């Protein structure tokens, strides 16, 4: 007696009758072919559903993604076009300290290793030694800050100006002569140095003489090298940045901050190629754009990158400024920004990001999925061919048996 049965295979319900033993091979092949066709149909439908979701989601994408940022949740400072214009007119804060430039004066204080010419009128025995006619050996200030002169002995010099040292020396000489006349001149400035480093023609250390200004310091270093940039140059004094814009000082003639060089001052001139703005996103050629003379407008940056791609770019863009810990994100409309481009100045390190359209996002996803669909189609054709061959073989088997 033949009995009906039901079984599940790979999530498909197959219903039939108990097969005859004599036709088991052909029925098994038929069931296998049917299952393969069902699996191919299910896989194709799943692929279509998988592809359809991102296409619809991409086309329905809302406004520029930075619109969804939250100041509290994402730790960013969100600003708009008006803020970008206002910040473009503000001097860049270099983390400098407050400094009173009115205290600057032409003054030099003696120190160890300075060489002096000490002359006491009509008393050569108290003066610096003379080697020959017109040649002066000089008197060196020792490490303890004192000079040692014949007859007079030890006199403190370090930390005093030349005038103050003359008063001290006259007081010491008055113990041995009546109303001495003293004259002191610095032969060699060896106690203090300032440094000019970076992209200058002759970087090095130079003696502080109390007369050398910042502009003269750059001149001593040979001036800017081919790749040097005044826009990013800095002056460090006692471990802190001075609020000095060397570009405004040299090119703009702002001599109010042309300070006198002091002991340990460091002037650093950076490489101009490190001062860049990065244009990213939906532009023809994403690229870093160097700042020319420290200035770069939004239009200049976009033009250098080839401009927005016509079919893929949104009208929204973001200018990201600052580090990754607490960035400032300016969310602006491209058309509105270009109308007032002359008021917008980008800064070194700014990232300009042009947002993509939802359709372009879906297009890129399709480019990634199409190879998978092509492979699935080839697999389906191969399975269909194998099924047809198996069906023909099953049909010819009874005829061969007869």
Protein backbone atom coordinates (compact mmCIF):
# COMPACT_ATOMS: atom_id res chain seq x y z
CA UNK A 1 0.00 0.00 0.00
CA UNK A 2 1.37 3.42 -1.02
CA UNK A 3 1.54 6.08 1.66
CA UNK A 4 1.74 9.86 1.26
CA UNK A 5 4.54 11.70 3.08
CA UNK A 6 5.76 15.23 3.72
CA UNK A 7 9.27 16.50 4.53
CA UNK A 8 11.08 19.85 4.84
CA UNK A 9 14.34 20.54 3.05
CA UNK A 10 16.13 23.88 3.31
CA UNK A 11 12.89 25.61 4.34
CA UNK A 12 10.86 24.19 1.36
CA UNK A 13 7.80 21.94 1.84
CA UNK A 14 7.70 18.98 -0.59
CA UNK A 15 4.60 16.78 -0.75
CA UNK A 16 4.35 13.53 -2.78
CA UNK A 17 3.94 9.77 -2.65
CA UNK A 18 6.23 6.97 -1.72
CA UNK A 19 8.38 6.45 -4.79
CA UNK A 20 8.59 3.17 -6.63
CA UNK A 21 11.89 1.41 -6.13
CA UNK A 22 12.37 0.93 -9.86
CA UNK A 23 12.27 4.66 -10.72
CA UNK A 24 14.20 5.92 -7.63
CA UNK A 25 17.13 7.39 -9.57
CA UNK A 26 15.07 9.53 -11.95
CA UNK A 27 12.80 10.79 -9.16
CA UNK A 28 15.82 11.67 -6.98
CA UNK A 29 17.37 13.68 -9.82
CA UNK A 30 14.05 15.45 -10.44
CA UNK A 31 13.70 16.37 -6.77
CA UNK A 32 17.30 17.66 -6.68
CA UNK A 33 16.77 19.81 -9.77
CA UNK A 34 13.57 21.25 -8.35
CA UNK A 35 15.24 22.14 -5.10
CA UNK A 36 18.13 23.88 -6.89
CA UNK A 37 15.70 25.93 -8.98
CA UNK A 38 13.81 26.94 -5.84
CA UNK A 39 17.03 27.96 -4.10
CA UNK A 40 18.16 30.01 -7.09
CA UNK A 41 14.78 31.80 -7.18
CA UNK A 42 14.96 32.53 -3.44
CA UNK A 43 18.58 33.76 -3.69
CA UNK A 44 17.74 36.05 -6.59
CA UNK A 45 14.77 37.53 -4.74
CA UNK A 46 16.89 38.08 -1.65
CA UNK A 47 19.58 39.80 -3.71
CA UNK A 48 17.03 42.11 -5.29
CA UNK A 49 15.61 42.95 -1.86
CA UNK A 50 19.11 43.52 -0.49
CA UNK A 51 19.99 45.85 -3.36
CA UNK A 52 16.69 47.72 -3.28
CA UNK A 53 16.97 48.84 0.34
CA UNK A 54 20.18 50.93 0.03
CA UNK A 55 19.08 52.39 -3.30
CA UNK A 56 15.82 53.64 -1.79
CA UNK A 57 17.59 54.73 1.40
CA UNK A 58 20.29 56.55 -0.57
CA UNK A 59 17.80 58.38 -2.76
CA UNK A 60 15.80 59.36 0.32
CA UNK A 61 18.85 60.58 2.27
CA UNK A 62 18.11 63.81 4.11
CA UNK A 63 20.21 66.91 4.34
CA UNK A 64 23.97 67.04 4.75
CA UNK A 65 25.05 64.54 7.37
CA UNK A 66 26.74 67.19 9.55
CA UNK A 67 23.25 68.57 10.13
CA UNK A 68 22.68 65.54 12.33
CA UNK A 69 25.61 66.25 14.60
CA UNK A 70 24.93 67.12 18.22
CA UNK A 71 27.17 69.46 20.20
CA UNK A 72 26.58 67.52 23.40
CA UNK A 73 26.70 63.98 22.01
CA UNK A 74 29.50 64.41 19.45
CA UNK A 75 31.64 66.99 21.27
CA UNK A 76 31.83 69.42 18.35
CA UNK A 77 31.31 73.16 18.12
CA UNK A 78 28.66 73.69 15.44
CA UNK A 79 28.65 77.03 13.62
CA UNK A 80 27.25 78.60 10.46
CA UNK A 81 28.25 80.84 7.58
CA UNK A 82 28.04 84.06 9.62
CA UNK A 83 30.42 82.56 12.18
CA UNK A 84 32.89 81.56 9.46
CA UNK A 85 32.92 85.11 8.08
CA UNK A 86 33.37 86.58 11.56
CA UNK A 87 36.20 84.16 12.40
CA UNK A 88 37.95 85.00 9.11
CA UNK A 89 38.48 88.57 10.30
CA UNK A 90 39.87 87.55 13.71
CA UNK A 91 43.62 87.21 14.21
CA UNK A 92 44.70 83.61 14.60
CA UNK A 93 45.22 82.70 18.24
CA UNK A 94 48.60 80.97 18.51
CA UNK A 95 48.24 80.21 22.17
CA UNK A 96 50.35 83.26 22.92
CA UNK A 97 50.66 85.07 26.23
CA UNK A 98 49.94 88.70 26.95
CA UNK A 99 53.00 90.80 26.38
CA UNK A 100 53.59 94.48 27.00
CA UNK A 101 55.62 95.71 24.02
CA UNK A 102 56.07 99.13 25.64
CA UNK A 103 58.69 97.67 27.98
CA UNK A 104 61.00 96.87 25.07
CA UNK A 105 64.24 98.87 25.24
CA UNK A 106 67.75 98.81 23.86
CA UNK A 107 69.56 97.37 26.84
CA UNK A 108 72.28 94.81 27.38
CA UNK A 109 73.39 93.28 30.65
CA UNK A 110 76.83 91.79 31.00
CA UNK A 111 77.36 88.09 31.55
CA UNK A 112 79.99 85.39 31.83
CA UNK A 113 82.45 85.11 28.92
CA UNK A 114 81.83 88.66 27.68
CA UNK A 115 85.12 90.35 26.84
CA UNK A 116 85.54 93.97 28.02
CA UNK A 117 87.96 96.79 27.36
CA UNK A 118 88.52 98.46 30.76
CA UNK A 119 90.38 101.74 30.63
CA UNK A 120 91.28 103.91 33.65
CA UNK A 121 92.60 107.29 32.50
CA UNK A 122 96.36 107.73 33.24
CA UNK A 123 96.46 104.42 35.08
CA UNK A 124 97.28 101.64 32.63
CA UNK A 125 98.14 99.34 35.53
CA UNK A 126 94.41 99.27 36.39
CA UNK A 127 93.28 98.86 32.76
CA UNK A 128 92.93 95.87 30.45
CA UNK A 129 96.17 94.61 29.02
CA UNK A 130 97.44 96.01 25.72
CA UNK A 131 99.20 93.50 23.51
CA UNK A 132 100.61 96.05 21.11
CA UNK A 133 99.92 99.33 19.46
CA UNK A 134 96.14 99.43 19.00
CA UNK A 135 95.66 95.80 20.10
CA UNK A 136 93.74 95.07 23.28
CA UNK A 137 93.70 91.66 24.92
CA UNK A 138 90.59 92.57 26.86
CA UNK A 139 89.29 91.42 30.20
CA UNK A 140 86.94 88.44 30.27
CA UNK A 141 84.10 88.15 32.76
CA UNK A 142 84.65 84.87 34.53
CA UNK A 143 82.10 82.19 35.33
CA UNK A 144 81.54 83.64 38.78
CA UNK A 145 80.39 86.91 37.18
CA UNK A 146 83.41 88.99 38.23
CA UNK A 147 86.36 90.60 36.50
CA UNK A 148 89.85 90.61 38.02
CA UNK A 149 91.96 93.70 37.36
CA UNK A 150 95.50 94.61 38.44
CA UNK A 151 95.59 96.66 41.65
CA UNK A 152 91.79 96.96 41.82
CA UNK A 153 91.18 93.25 42.23
CA UNK A 154 87.76 91.59 41.90
CA UNK A 155 84.75 93.60 40.66
CA UNK A 156 81.27 92.22 40.00
CA UNK A 157 80.12 92.67 36.38
CA UNK A 158 77.49 90.02 35.48
CA UNK A 159 73.94 91.32 35.48
CA UNK A 160 74.97 94.96 35.18
CA UNK A 161 74.70 97.31 32.23
CA UNK A 162 77.89 98.93 30.98
CA UNK A 163 76.97 102.17 32.74
CA UNK A 164 76.28 100.38 36.01
CA UNK A 165 79.58 98.49 35.75
CA UNK A 166 81.49 101.76 35.15
CA UNK A 167 80.02 103.16 38.39
CA UNK A 168 81.02 100.01 40.29
CA UNK A 169 84.53 100.06 38.79
CA UNK A 170 85.00 103.76 39.57
CA UNK A 171 84.03 103.11 43.18
CA UNK A 172 86.57 100.27 43.40
CA UNK A 173 89.37 102.33 41.77
CA UNK A 174 88.68 105.32 44.05
CA UNK A 175 90.28 103.37 46.87
CA UNK A 176 93.64 103.76 45.11
CA UNK A 177 93.42 106.97 43.03
CA UNK A 178 91.69 110.29 43.41
CA UNK A 179 88.66 110.86 41.23
CA UNK A 180 89.41 108.15 38.63
CA UNK A 181 88.01 108.42 35.10
CA UNK A 182 86.76 105.03 33.88
CA UNK A 183 85.65 103.90 30.44
CA UNK A 184 84.32 100.41 29.59
CA UNK A 185 83.54 98.99 26.14
CA UNK A 186 82.31 95.52 25.15
CA UNK A 187 84.71 93.84 22.74
CA UNK A 188 82.88 90.52 22.34
CA UNK A 189 79.33 89.50 23.21
CA UNK A 190 79.67 85.89 24.28
CA UNK A 191 77.38 85.43 27.27
CA UNK A 192 73.98 85.34 25.53
CA UNK A 193 72.65 83.85 22.32
CA UNK A 194 69.40 83.85 20.37
CA UNK A 195 68.49 81.28 17.74
CA UNK A 196 66.95 81.46 14.27
CA UNK A 197 65.94 78.03 12.97
CA UNK A 198 63.82 76.46 10.28
CA UNK A 199 63.63 77.40 6.62
CA UNK A 200 66.04 80.32 6.51
CA UNK A 201 69.19 80.49 4.42
CA UNK A 202 71.66 80.46 7.33
CA UNK A 203 70.05 79.04 10.49
CA UNK A 204 72.11 79.26 13.64
CA UNK A 205 72.80 80.92 16.98
CA UNK A 206 73.74 84.59 17.14
CA UNK A 207 75.03 86.82 19.95
CA UNK A 208 72.67 89.09 21.83
CA UNK A 209 74.07 92.61 21.87
CA UNK A 210 71.04 94.59 23.03
CA UNK A 211 70.70 96.29 19.62
CA UNK A 212 69.54 93.45 17.39
CA UNK A 213 65.83 93.57 16.51
CA UNK A 214 63.65 90.75 15.22
CA UNK A 215 63.93 91.91 11.61
CA UNK A 216 67.71 92.18 11.97
CA UNK A 217 67.74 88.64 13.39
CA UNK A 218 66.10 87.33 10.22
CA UNK A 219 68.65 89.28 8.19
CA UNK A 220 71.55 87.73 10.13
CA UNK A 221 70.10 84.31 9.26
CA UNK A 222 70.21 85.19 5.56
CA UNK A 223 66.49 85.81 5.20
CA UNK A 224 63.83 83.33 4.13
CA UNK A 225 64.77 80.17 2.29
CA UNK A 226 62.97 79.16 -0.90
CA UNK A 227 60.41 77.13 1.05
CA UNK A 228 60.13 79.39 4.11
CA UNK A 229 56.89 81.04 5.17
CA UNK A 230 56.51 84.05 7.44
CA UNK A 231 52.79 83.32 7.94
CA UNK A 232 53.46 80.40 10.26
CA UNK A 233 56.65 81.77 11.83
CA UNK A 234 56.82 81.99 15.62
CA UNK A 235 58.88 83.74 18.30
CA UNK A 236 59.35 81.91 21.60
CA UNK A 237 60.62 83.71 24.71
CA UNK A 238 61.05 81.99 28.07
CA UNK A 239 59.12 78.98 26.79
CA UNK A 240 56.07 80.98 25.67
CA UNK A 241 54.89 82.24 22.30
CA UNK A 242 54.98 85.97 21.74
CA UNK A 243 51.92 87.43 19.95
CA UNK A 244 53.89 88.46 16.88
CA UNK A 245 52.77 88.08 13.26
CA UNK A 246 56.02 88.07 11.32
CA UNK A 247 54.19 88.39 7.99
CA UNK A 248 52.54 91.62 9.14
CA UNK A 249 55.85 92.78 10.61
CA UNK A 250 57.93 92.24 7.47
CA UNK A 251 55.40 92.67 4.67
CA UNK A 252 53.00 95.08 6.32
CA UNK A 253 55.57 97.23 8.10
CA UNK A 254 54.05 96.76 11.57
CA UNK A 255 57.22 97.70 13.50
CA UNK A 256 55.35 98.05 16.78
CA UNK A 257 56.28 94.44 17.53
CA UNK A 258 59.82 94.53 16.19
CA UNK A 259 61.22 93.41 19.55
CA UNK A 260 64.86 93.38 20.61
CA UNK A 261 66.33 89.90 20.78
CA UNK A 262 67.06 88.56 24.24
CA UNK A 263 68.91 85.64 25.70
CA UNK A 264 67.35 82.32 24.65
CA UNK A 265 64.87 83.79 22.15
CA UNK A 266 63.92 81.32 19.43
CA UNK A 267 62.65 82.35 15.99
CA UNK A 268 61.29 79.49 13.89
CA UNK A 269 60.32 79.76 10.22
CA UNK A 270 58.25 76.79 8.98
CA UNK A 271 58.10 75.20 5.56
CA UNK A 272 55.43 76.80 3.39
CA UNK A 273 54.39 73.39 2.06
CA UNK A 274 53.11 72.42 5.51
CA UNK A 275 50.53 75.23 5.43
CA UNK A 276 47.69 73.56 3.56
CA UNK A 277 43.92 73.30 3.32
CA UNK A 278 42.44 69.91 2.45
CA UNK A 279 39.53 69.76 -0.02
CA UNK A 280 37.67 66.45 0.21
CA UNK A 281 34.39 64.82 -0.76
CA UNK A 282 32.51 65.38 -4.01
CA UNK A 283 35.11 67.38 -5.94
CA UNK A 284 36.80 66.37 -9.17
CA UNK A 285 40.27 66.10 -7.63
CA UNK A 286 40.41 65.84 -3.82
CA UNK A 287 43.73 67.46 -2.93
CA UNK A 288 45.67 69.49 -0.37
CA UNK A 289 45.86 73.16 -1.38
CA UNK A 290 48.81 75.26 -0.16
CA UNK A 291 48.20 78.75 1.18
CA UNK A 292 49.79 81.51 -0.88
CA UNK A 293 51.11 84.28 1.35
CA UNK A 294 49.07 82.77 4.15
CA UNK A 295 45.72 83.50 2.48
CA UNK A 296 43.23 81.24 0.71
CA UNK A 297 39.55 81.79 0.01
CA UNK A 298 36.93 79.08 -0.24
CA UNK A 299 36.49 79.64 -3.98
CA UNK A 300 40.25 79.36 -4.58
CA UNK A 301 40.39 76.08 -2.66
CA UNK A 302 37.46 74.57 -4.57
CA UNK A 303 38.80 75.76 -7.92
CA UNK A 304 42.18 74.17 -7.24
CA UNK A 305 40.42 70.86 -6.56
CA UNK A 306 38.54 71.10 -9.88
CA UNK A 307 35.27 72.25 -8.36
CA UNK A 308 32.29 70.18 -7.18
CA UNK A 309 31.28 67.24 -9.36
CA UNK A 310 28.12 68.41 -11.21
CA UNK A 311 26.07 65.22 -10.84
CA UNK A 312 27.16 64.02 -7.41
CA UNK A 313 27.75 67.03 -5.15
CA UNK A 314 25.16 68.57 -2.85
CA UNK A 315 24.90 72.28 -2.25
CA UNK A 316 25.91 71.76 1.36
CA UNK A 317 29.49 71.64 2.60
CA UNK A 318 31.36 71.66 5.88
CA UNK A 319 34.54 73.45 6.92
CA UNK A 320 36.15 71.51 9.77
CA UNK A 321 38.66 73.45 11.84
CA UNK A 322 40.78 72.42 14.80
CA UNK A 323 41.87 69.09 16.22
CA UNK A 324 39.89 65.89 16.48
CA UNK A 325 39.30 66.32 20.21
CA UNK A 326 37.15 69.48 19.98
CA UNK A 327 36.67 70.41 16.30
CA UNK A 328 34.69 73.38 15.02
CA UNK A 329 32.31 72.46 12.19
CA UNK A 330 30.93 75.25 9.99
CA UNK A 331 27.84 73.97 8.11
CA UNK A 332 27.19 76.24 5.14
CA UNK A 333 25.38 76.40 1.83
CA UNK A 334 27.79 76.50 -1.11
CA UNK A 335 25.87 79.05 -3.18
CA UNK A 336 25.46 81.42 -0.23
CA UNK A 337 29.17 81.12 0.63
CA UNK A 338 30.34 81.91 -2.91
CA UNK A 339 28.34 85.14 -2.90
CA UNK A 340 30.48 86.49 -0.05
CA UNK A 341 33.65 84.54 -0.81
CA UNK A 342 35.81 87.66 -0.45
CA UNK A 343 34.92 87.69 3.26
CA UNK A 344 35.95 84.07 3.88
CA UNK A 345 39.56 83.17 4.62
CA UNK A 346 40.56 79.58 5.29
CA UNK A 347 43.30 78.67 7.75
CA UNK A 348 46.09 76.09 7.63
CA UNK A 349 44.75 72.65 8.48
CA UNK A 350 41.12 73.40 7.53
CA UNK A 351 39.21 70.51 5.91
CA UNK A 352 36.59 71.46 3.32
CA UNK A 353 34.18 68.58 2.71
CA UNK A 354 31.59 68.63 -0.10
CA UNK A 355 28.65 66.34 0.70
CA UNK A 356 27.45 63.71 -1.83
CA UNK A 357 23.86 63.40 -3.04
CA UNK A 358 21.78 60.41 -2.03
CA UNK A 359 21.69 59.18 -5.64
CA UNK A 360 25.48 59.22 -5.92
CA UNK A 361 25.71 57.21 -2.71
CA UNK A 362 23.31 54.61 -4.13
CA UNK A 363 25.26 54.58 -7.40
CA UNK A 364 28.48 53.75 -5.60
CA UNK A 365 26.71 50.96 -3.72
CA UNK A 366 25.45 49.49 -7.00
CA UNK A 367 28.97 49.50 -8.40
CA UNK A 368 30.00 47.32 -5.48
CA UNK A 369 26.99 44.97 -5.68
CA UNK A 370 26.87 44.48 -9.48
CA UNK A 371 29.78 41.97 -9.52
CA UNK A 372 27.87 39.87 -6.99
CA UNK A 373 24.72 39.95 -9.15
CA UNK A 374 26.71 39.01 -12.22
CA UNK A 375 28.11 36.02 -10.36
CA UNK A 376 24.64 35.01 -9.19
CA UNK A 377 23.33 35.25 -12.74
CA UNK A 378 26.17 33.05 -14.03
CA UNK A 379 25.45 30.51 -11.27
CA UNK A 380 21.76 30.49 -12.20
CA UNK A 381 22.55 29.84 -15.85
CA UNK A 382 24.92 27.01 -14.92
CA UNK A 383 22.33 25.40 -12.64
CA UNK A 384 19.62 25.75 -15.30
CA UNK A 385 21.88 24.07 -17.85
CA UNK A 386 22.65 21.24 -15.44
CA UNK A 387 18.94 20.75 -14.72
CA UNK A 388 18.07 20.52 -18.42
CA UNK A 389 20.82 17.96 -18.96
CA UNK A 390 19.62 15.87 -16.03
CA UNK A 391 16.00 15.95 -17.33
CA UNK A 392 17.06 14.81 -20.79
CA UNK A 393 19.17 12.00 -19.32
CA UNK A 394 16.24 10.83 -17.17
CA UNK A 395 13.95 10.80 -20.24
CA UNK A 396 16.40 8.74 -22.30
CA UNK A 397 17.04 6.19 -19.52
CA UNK A 398 13.79 4.13 -20.06
CA UNK A 399 14.37 4.02 -23.82
CA UNK A 400 17.89 2.70 -23.30
CA UNK A 401 16.57 0.04 -20.91
CA UNK A 402 14.12 -1.26 -23.53
